[in-house]
Amino acid sequence: MTFRGRIKNGQITLDEPARLPEGASVVVEVVSAPEQGPNDDLADLLLRHAGKGVELPADLAAQHDRYAHGKPNP
C-alpha cells in the first residue's frame, strides 16, 4: 500500500483518509522537500518573532529563571 500526504505542523497528514491497524509498522519516504529560499536562514526565521513580546517585565532577561520556572531570587 502507498499513501500520499504532507507534513503539517510537524505531523504527517495523509491526502486521503486511511484505516491502518493500531501499531502497524510504516516507512516514511520523503519524495520532495520544499525549496529553501535565499532568505530562509535561521536568523530570518527568528526575526519573524522579533518585537512580538509586549508588556513584559523590564528585568525579564536578568530574571528569566524566576519568571519561567518560579525560582526564587538569590
PDB file of N, CA and C in Angstrom:
ATOM      1  N   MET A   1       0.838  -1.181   0.000  1.00  0.00           N
ATOM      2  CA  MET A   1       0.000   0.000   0.000  1.00  0.00           C
ATOM      3  C   MET A   1       0.880   1.241   0.000  1.00  0.00           C
ATOM      4  N   THR A   2       0.450   2.241  -0.716  1.00  0.00           N
ATOM      5  CA  THR A   2       1.151   3.520  -0.724  1.00  0.00           C
ATOM      6  C   THR A   2       0.132   4.617  -0.437  1.00  0.00           C
ATOM      7  N   PHE A   3       0.475   5.499   0.490  1.00  0.00           N
ATOM      8  CA  PHE A   3      -0.371   6.631   0.823  1.00  0.00           C
ATOM      9  C   PHE A   3       0.440   7.896   0.605  1.00  0.00           C
ATOM     10  N   ARG A   4      -0.194   8.926   0.121  1.00  0.00           N
ATOM     11  CA  ARG A   4       0.488  10.199  -0.079  1.00  0.00           C
ATOM     12  C   ARG A   4      -0.037  11.186   0.950  1.00  0.00           C
ATOM     13  N   GLY A   5       0.839  12.108   1.331  1.00  0.00           N
ATOM     14  CA  GLY A   5       0.441  13.104   2.311  1.00  0.00           C
ATOM     15  C   GLY A   5       1.454  14.224   2.381  1.00  0.00           C
ATOM     16  N   ARG A   6       1.326  15.035   3.395  1.00  0.00           N
ATOM     17  CA  ARG A   6       2.200  16.190   3.598  1.00  0.00           C
ATOM     18  C   ARG A   6       2.494  16.335   5.086  1.00  0.00           C
ATOM     19  N   ILE A   7       3.529  17.085   5.388  1.00  0.00           N
ATOM     20  CA  ILE A   7       3.842  17.426   6.773  1.00  0.00           C
ATOM     21  C   ILE A   7       3.140  18.743   7.093  1.00  0.00           C
ATOM     22  N   LYS A   8       2.341  18.756   8.148  1.00  0.00           N
ATOM     23  CA  LYS A   8       1.664  19.959   8.626  1.00  0.00           C
ATOM     24  C   LYS A   8       1.891  20.057  10.125  1.00  0.00           C
ATOM     25  N   ASN A   9       2.535  21.146  10.548  1.00  0.00           N
ATOM     26  CA  ASN A   9       2.832  21.349  11.973  1.00  0.00           C
ATOM     27  C   ASN A   9       3.573  20.160  12.583  1.00  0.00           C
ATOM     28  N   GLY A  10       4.500  19.606  11.819  1.00  0.00           N
ATOM     29  CA  GLY A  10       5.324  18.514  12.332  1.00  0.00           C
ATOM     30  C   GLY A  10       4.661  17.151  12.321  1.00  0.00           C
ATOM     31  N   GLN A  11       3.447  17.043  11.801  1.00  0.00           N
ATOM     32  CA  GLN A  11       2.725  15.781  11.767  1.00  0.00           C
ATOM     33  C   GLN A  11       2.504  15.360  10.320  1.00  0.00           C
ATOM     34  N   ILE A  12       2.469  14.064  10.072  1.00  0.00           N
ATOM     35  CA  ILE A  12       2.156  13.558   8.744  1.00  0.00           C
ATOM     36  C   ILE A  12       0.642  13.558   8.593  1.00  0.00           C
ATOM     37  N   THR A  13       0.152  14.233   7.564  1.00  0.00           N
ATOM     38  CA  THR A  13      -1.274  14.270   7.260  1.00  0.00           C
ATOM     39  C   THR A  13      -1.466  13.639   5.893  1.00  0.00           C
ATOM     40  N   LEU A  14      -2.248  12.562   5.849  1.00  0.00           N
ATOM     41  CA  LEU A  14      -2.485  11.864   4.592  1.00  0.00           C
ATOM     42  C   LEU A  14      -3.474  12.651   3.741  1.00  0.00           C
ATOM     43  N   ASP A  15      -3.267  12.603   2.413  1.00  0.00           N
ATOM     44  CA  ASP A  15      -4.165  13.292   1.488  1.00  0.00           C
ATOM     45  C   ASP A  15      -5.563  12.666   1.512  1.00  0.00           C
ATOM     46  N   GLU A  16      -5.631  11.365   1.654  1.00  0.00           N
ATOM     47  CA  GLU A  16      -6.907  10.643   1.714  1.00  0.00           C
ATOM     48  C   GLU A  16      -6.956   9.872   3.033  1.00  0.00           C
ATOM     49  N   PRO A  17      -8.128   9.771   3.653  1.00  0.00           N
ATOM     50  CA  PRO A  17      -8.226   9.003   4.904  1.00  0.00           C
ATOM     51  C   PRO A  17      -7.839   7.540   4.677  1.00  0.00           C
ATOM     52  N   ALA A  18      -7.198   6.951   5.660  1.00  0.00           N
ATOM     53  CA  ALA A  18      -6.794   5.544   5.560  1.00  0.00           C
ATOM     54  C   ALA A  18      -7.021   4.877   6.911  1.00  0.00           C
ATOM     55  N   ARG A  19      -7.482   3.657   6.873  1.00  0.00           N
ATOM     56  CA  ARG A  19      -7.662   2.876   8.103  1.00  0.00           C
ATOM     57  C   ARG A  19      -6.496   1.901   8.204  1.00  0.00           C
ATOM     58  N   LEU A  20      -5.624   2.178   9.136  1.00  0.00           N
ATOM     59  CA  LEU A  20      -4.482   1.298   9.369  1.00  0.00           C
ATOM     60  C   LEU A  20      -4.635   0.694  10.752  1.00  0.00           C
ATOM     61  N   PRO A  21      -4.255  -0.566  10.925  1.00  0.00           N
ATOM     62  CA  PRO A  21      -4.371  -1.179  12.242  1.00  0.00           C
ATOM     63  C   PRO A  21      -3.446  -0.511  13.249  1.00  0.00           C
ATOM     64  N   GLU A  22      -3.918  -0.371  14.476  1.00  0.00           N
ATOM     65  CA  GLU A  22      -3.123   0.213  15.550  1.00  0.00           C
ATOM     66  C   GLU A  22      -1.826  -0.568  15.701  1.00  0.00           C
ATOM     67  N   GLY A  23      -0.722   0.141  15.770  1.00  0.00           N
ATOM     68  CA  GLY A  23       0.582  -0.486  15.931  1.00  0.00           C
ATOM     69  C   GLY A  23       1.214  -0.946  14.628  1.00  0.00           C
ATOM     70  N   ALA A  24       0.578  -0.639  13.505  1.00  0.00           N
ATOM     71  CA  ALA A  24       1.138  -1.040  12.206  1.00  0.00           C
ATOM     72  C   ALA A  24       2.486  -0.362  12.004  1.00  0.00           C
ATOM     73  N   SER A  25       3.435  -1.078  11.471  1.00  0.00           N
ATOM     74  CA  SER A  25       4.753  -0.542  11.162  1.00  0.00           C
ATOM     75  C   SER A  25       4.691   0.123   9.793  1.00  0.00           C
ATOM     76  N   VAL A  26       5.249   1.330   9.690  1.00  0.00           N
ATOM     77  CA  VAL A  26       5.218   2.060   8.422  1.00  0.00           C
ATOM     78  C   VAL A  26       6.608   2.573   8.094  1.00  0.00           C
ATOM     79  N   VAL A  27       6.817   2.897   6.827  1.00  0.00           N
ATOM     80  CA  VAL A  27       8.056   3.509   6.357  1.00  0.00           C
ATOM     81  C   VAL A  27       7.668   4.831   5.718  1.00  0.00           C
ATOM     82  N   VAL A  28       8.368   5.898   6.085  1.00  0.00           N
ATOM     83  CA  VAL A  28       8.090   7.215   5.518  1.00  0.00           C
ATOM     84  C   VAL A  28       9.254   7.585   4.608  1.00  0.00           C
ATOM     85  N   GLU A  29       8.936   7.913   3.366  1.00  0.00           N
ATOM     86  CA  GLU A  29       9.944   8.300   2.390  1.00  0.00           C
ATOM     87  C   GLU A  29       9.634   9.707   1.913  1.00  0.00           C
ATOM     88  N   VAL A  30      10.579  10.612   2.056  1.00  0.00           N
ATOM     89  CA  VAL A  30      10.394  11.972   1.575  1.00  0.00           C
ATOM     90  C   VAL A  30      10.653  11.967   0.076  1.00  0.00           C
ATOM     91  N   VAL A  31       9.637  12.342  -0.694  1.00  0.00           N
ATOM     92  CA  VAL A  31       9.788  12.342  -2.151  1.00  0.00           C
ATOM     93  C   VAL A  31      10.140  13.718  -2.685  1.00  0.00           C
ATOM     94  N   SER A  32       9.785  14.751  -1.961  1.00  0.00           N
ATOM     95  CA  SER A  32      10.207  16.100  -2.321  1.00  0.00           C
ATOM     96  C   SER A  32      10.099  16.989  -1.095  1.00  0.00           C
ATOM     97  N   ALA A  33      11.013  17.882  -0.979  1.00  0.00           N
ATOM     98  CA  ALA A  33      11.006  18.827   0.133  1.00  0.00           C
ATOM     99  C   ALA A  33      10.900  20.226  -0.435  1.00  0.00           C
ATOM    100  N   PRO A  34      10.226  21.127   0.278  1.00  0.00           N
ATOM    101  CA  PRO A  34      10.141  22.493  -0.232  1.00  0.00           C
ATOM    102  C   PRO A  34      11.525  23.111  -0.337  1.00  0.00           C
ATOM    103  N   GLU A  35      11.723  23.863  -1.383  1.00  0.00           N
ATOM    104  CA  GLU A  35      12.999  24.558  -1.569  1.00  0.00           C
ATOM    105  C   GLU A  35      13.105  25.688  -0.566  1.00  0.00           C
ATOM    106  N   GLN A  36      14.280  25.838   0.019  1.00  0.00           N
ATOM    107  CA  GLN A  36      14.507  26.971   0.907  1.00  0.00           C
ATOM    108  C   GLN A  36      14.893  28.161   0.073  1.00  0.00           C
ATOM    109  N   GLY A  37      14.241  29.263   0.331  1.00  0.00           N
ATOM    110  CA  GLY A  37      14.580  30.487  -0.369  1.00  0.00           C
ATOM    111  C   GLY A  37      15.875  31.059   0.170  1.00  0.00           C
ATOM    112  N   PRO A  38      16.450  32.032  -0.502  1.00  0.00           N
ATOM    113  CA  PRO A  38      17.729  32.601  -0.066  1.00  0.00           C
ATOM    114  C   PRO A  38      17.638  33.306   1.283  1.00  0.00           C
ATOM    115  N   ASN A  39      16.436  33.700   1.700  1.00  0.00           N
ATOM    116  CA  ASN A  39      16.295  34.425   2.959  1.00  0.00           C
ATOM    117  C   ASN A  39      15.714  33.570   4.070  1.00  0.00           C
ATOM    118  N   ASP A  40      15.623  32.263   3.867  1.00  0.00           N
ATOM    119  CA  ASP A  40      15.027  31.396   4.866  1.00  0.00           C
ATOM    120  C   ASP A  40      16.059  30.785   5.813  1.00  0.00           C
ATOM    121  N   ASP A  41      17.070  31.550   6.196  1.00  0.00           N
ATOM    122  CA  ASP A  41      18.025  31.019   7.158  1.00  0.00           C
ATOM    123  C   ASP A  41      17.484  31.241   8.575  1.00  0.00           C
ATOM    124  N   LEU A  42      18.167  30.726   9.554  1.00  0.00           N
ATOM    125  CA  LEU A  42      17.695  30.771  10.925  1.00  0.00           C
ATOM    126  C   LEU A  42      17.458  32.191  11.411  1.00  0.00           C
ATOM    127  N   ALA A  43      18.349  33.099  11.084  1.00  0.00           N
ATOM    128  CA  ALA A  43      18.192  34.485  11.544  1.00  0.00           C
ATOM    129  C   ALA A  43      16.885  35.077  11.032  1.00  0.00           C
ATOM    130  N   ASP A  44      16.574  34.845   9.768  1.00  0.00           N
ATOM    131  CA  ASP A  44      15.323  35.379   9.218  1.00  0.00           C
ATOM    132  C   ASP A  44      14.104  34.740   9.877  1.00  0.00           C
ATOM    133  N   LEU A  45      14.181  33.449  10.134  1.00  0.00           N
ATOM    134  CA  LEU A  45      13.057  32.781  10.785  1.00  0.00           C
ATOM    135  C   LEU A  45      12.827  33.335  12.186  1.00  0.00           C
ATOM    136  N   LEU A  46      13.906  33.567  12.929  1.00  0.00           N
ATOM    137  CA  LEU A  46      13.777  34.107  14.278  1.00  0.00           C
ATOM    138  C   LEU A  46      13.304  35.554  14.271  1.00  0.00           C
ATOM    139  N   LEU A  47      13.757  36.324  13.300  1.00  0.00           N
ATOM    140  CA  LEU A  47      13.364  37.731  13.234  1.00  0.00           C
ATOM    141  C   LEU A  47      11.872  37.915  12.967  1.00  0.00           C
ATOM    142  N   ARG A  48      11.213  36.895  12.469  1.00  0.00           N
ATOM    143  CA  ARG A  48       9.763  36.992  12.276  1.00  0.00           C
ATOM    144  C   ARG A  48       9.042  37.190  13.604  1.00  0.00           C
ATOM    145  N   HIS A  49       9.683  36.795  14.706  1.00  0.00           N
ATOM    146  CA  HIS A  49       9.064  36.900  16.030  1.00  0.00           C
ATOM    147  C   HIS A  49       9.566  38.108  16.814  1.00  0.00           C
ATOM    148  N   ALA A  50      10.521  38.827  16.284  1.00  0.00           N
ATOM    149  CA  ALA A  50      11.096  39.977  16.988  1.00  0.00           C
ATOM    150  C   ALA A  50      10.035  41.040  17.219  1.00  0.00           C
ATOM    151  N   GLY A  51      10.032  41.584  18.416  1.00  0.00           N
ATOM    152  CA  GLY A  51       9.129  42.670  18.748  1.00  0.00           C
ATOM    153  C   GLY A  51       7.712  42.242  19.074  1.00  0.00           C
ATOM    154  N   LYS A  52       7.439  40.945  19.163  1.00  0.00           N
ATOM    155  CA  LYS A  52       6.075  40.493  19.430  1.00  0.00           C
ATOM    156  C   LYS A  52       5.758  40.402  20.920  1.00  0.00           C
ATOM    157  N   GLY A  53       6.781  40.394  21.761  1.00  0.00           N
ATOM    158  CA  GLY A  53       6.546  40.375  23.202  1.00  0.00           C
ATOM    159  C   GLY A  53       6.214  41.779  23.677  1.00  0.00           C
ATOM    160  N   VAL A  54       5.025  41.962  24.212  1.00  0.00           N
ATOM    161  CA  VAL A  54       4.618  43.278  24.711  1.00  0.00           C
ATOM    162  C   VAL A  54       4.285  43.179  26.186  1.00  0.00           C
ATOM    163  N   GLU A  55       4.446  44.282  26.875  1.00  0.00           N
ATOM    164  CA  GLU A  55       4.145  44.382  28.304  1.00  0.00           C
ATOM    165  C   GLU A  55       4.892  43.323  29.123  1.00  0.00           C
ATOM    166  N   LEU A  56       6.173  43.113  28.800  1.00  0.00           N
ATOM    167  CA  LEU A  56       6.998  42.171  29.545  1.00  0.00           C
ATOM    168  C   LEU A  56       7.764  42.923  30.628  1.00  0.00           C
ATOM    169  N   PRO A  57       8.147  42.233  31.715  1.00  0.00           N
ATOM    170  CA  PRO A  57       8.914  42.897  32.767  1.00  0.00           C
ATOM    171  C   PRO A  57      10.248  43.414  32.232  1.00  0.00           C
ATOM    172  N   ALA A  58      10.676  44.551  32.726  1.00  0.00           N
ATOM    173  CA  ALA A  58      11.928  45.156  32.271  1.00  0.00           C
ATOM    174  C   ALA A  58      13.134  44.277  32.597  1.00  0.00           C
ATOM    175  N   ASP A  59      13.047  43.474  33.656  1.00  0.00           N
ATOM    176  CA  ASP A  59      14.181  42.634  34.061  1.00  0.00           C
ATOM    177  C   ASP A  59      14.025  41.184  33.592  1.00  0.00           C
ATOM    178  N   LEU A  60      13.261  40.947  32.551  1.00  0.00           N
ATOM    179  CA  LEU A  60      12.993  39.581  32.091  1.00  0.00           C
ATOM    180  C   LEU A  60      14.271  38.818  31.761  1.00  0.00           C
ATOM    181  N   ALA A  61      15.201  39.436  31.052  1.00  0.00           N
ATOM    182  CA  ALA A  61      16.432  38.733  30.683  1.00  0.00           C
ATOM    183  C   ALA A  61      17.234  38.345  31.917  1.00  0.00           C
ATOM    184  N   ALA A  62      17.369  39.260  32.846  1.00  0.00           N
ATOM    185  CA  ALA A  62      18.168  39.001  34.053  1.00  0.00           C
ATOM    186  C   ALA A  62      17.474  38.019  34.996  1.00  0.00           C
ATOM    187  N   GLN A  63      16.154  38.011  35.013  1.00  0.00           N
ATOM    188  CA  GLN A  63      15.395  37.172  35.944  1.00  0.00           C
ATOM    189  C   GLN A  63      14.623  36.056  35.227  1.00  0.00           C
ATOM    190  N   HIS A  64      15.171  35.567  34.132  1.00  0.00           N
ATOM    191  CA  HIS A  64      14.494  34.540  33.339  1.00  0.00           C
ATOM    192  C   HIS A  64      14.051  33.348  34.174  1.00  0.00           C
ATOM    193  N   ASP A  65      14.937  32.795  34.990  1.00  0.00           N
ATOM    194  CA  ASP A  65      14.594  31.610  35.776  1.00  0.00           C
ATOM    195  C   ASP A  65      13.436  31.884  36.727  1.00  0.00           C
ATOM    196  N   ARG A  66      13.402  33.084  37.280  1.00  0.00           N
ATOM    197  CA  ARG A  66      12.316  33.440  38.194  1.00  0.00           C
ATOM    198  C   ARG A  66      10.978  33.439  37.454  1.00  0.00           C
ATOM    199  N   TYR A  67      10.935  34.084  36.297  1.00  0.00           N
ATOM    200  CA  TYR A  67       9.681  34.188  35.560  1.00  0.00           C
ATOM    201  C   TYR A  67       9.291  32.876  34.875  1.00  0.00           C
ATOM    202  N   ALA A  68      10.240  32.195  34.274  1.00  0.00           N
ATOM    203  CA  ALA A  68       9.919  30.988  33.524  1.00  0.00           C
ATOM    204  C   ALA A  68       9.722  29.760  34.400  1.00  0.00           C
ATOM    205  N   HIS A  69      10.478  29.684  35.510  1.00  0.00           N
ATOM    206  CA  HIS A  69      10.476  28.459  36.301  1.00  0.00           C
ATOM    207  C   HIS A  69      10.051  28.665  37.755  1.00  0.00           C
ATOM    208  N   GLY A  70       9.756  29.908  38.142  1.00  0.00           N
ATOM    209  CA  GLY A  70       9.318  30.178  39.504  1.00  0.00           C
ATOM    210  C   GLY A  70      10.408  30.052  40.545  1.00  0.00           C
ATOM    211  N   LYS A  71      11.676  30.142  40.104  1.00  0.00           N
ATOM    212  CA  LYS A  71      12.778  30.040  41.070  1.00  0.00           C
ATOM    213  C   LYS A  71      12.877  31.337  41.867  1.00  0.00           C
ATOM    214  N   PRO A  72      13.158  31.236  43.161  1.00  0.00           N
ATOM    215  CA  PRO A  72      13.287  32.441  43.971  1.00  0.00           C
ATOM    216  C   PRO A  72      14.547  33.226  43.613  1.00  0.00           C
ATOM    217  N   ASN A  73      14.538  34.516  43.911  1.00  0.00           N
ATOM    218  CA  ASN A  73      15.724  35.356  43.691  1.00  0.00           C
ATOM    219  C   ASN A  73      16.811  34.941  44.657  1.00  0.00           C
ATOM    220  N   PRO A  74      18.062  35.001  44.212  1.00  0.00           N
ATOM    221  CA  PRO A  74      19.168  34.621  45.137  1.00  0.00           C
ATOM    222  C   PRO A  74      19.360  35.650  46.231  1.00  0.00           C
TER     223      PRO A  74
END
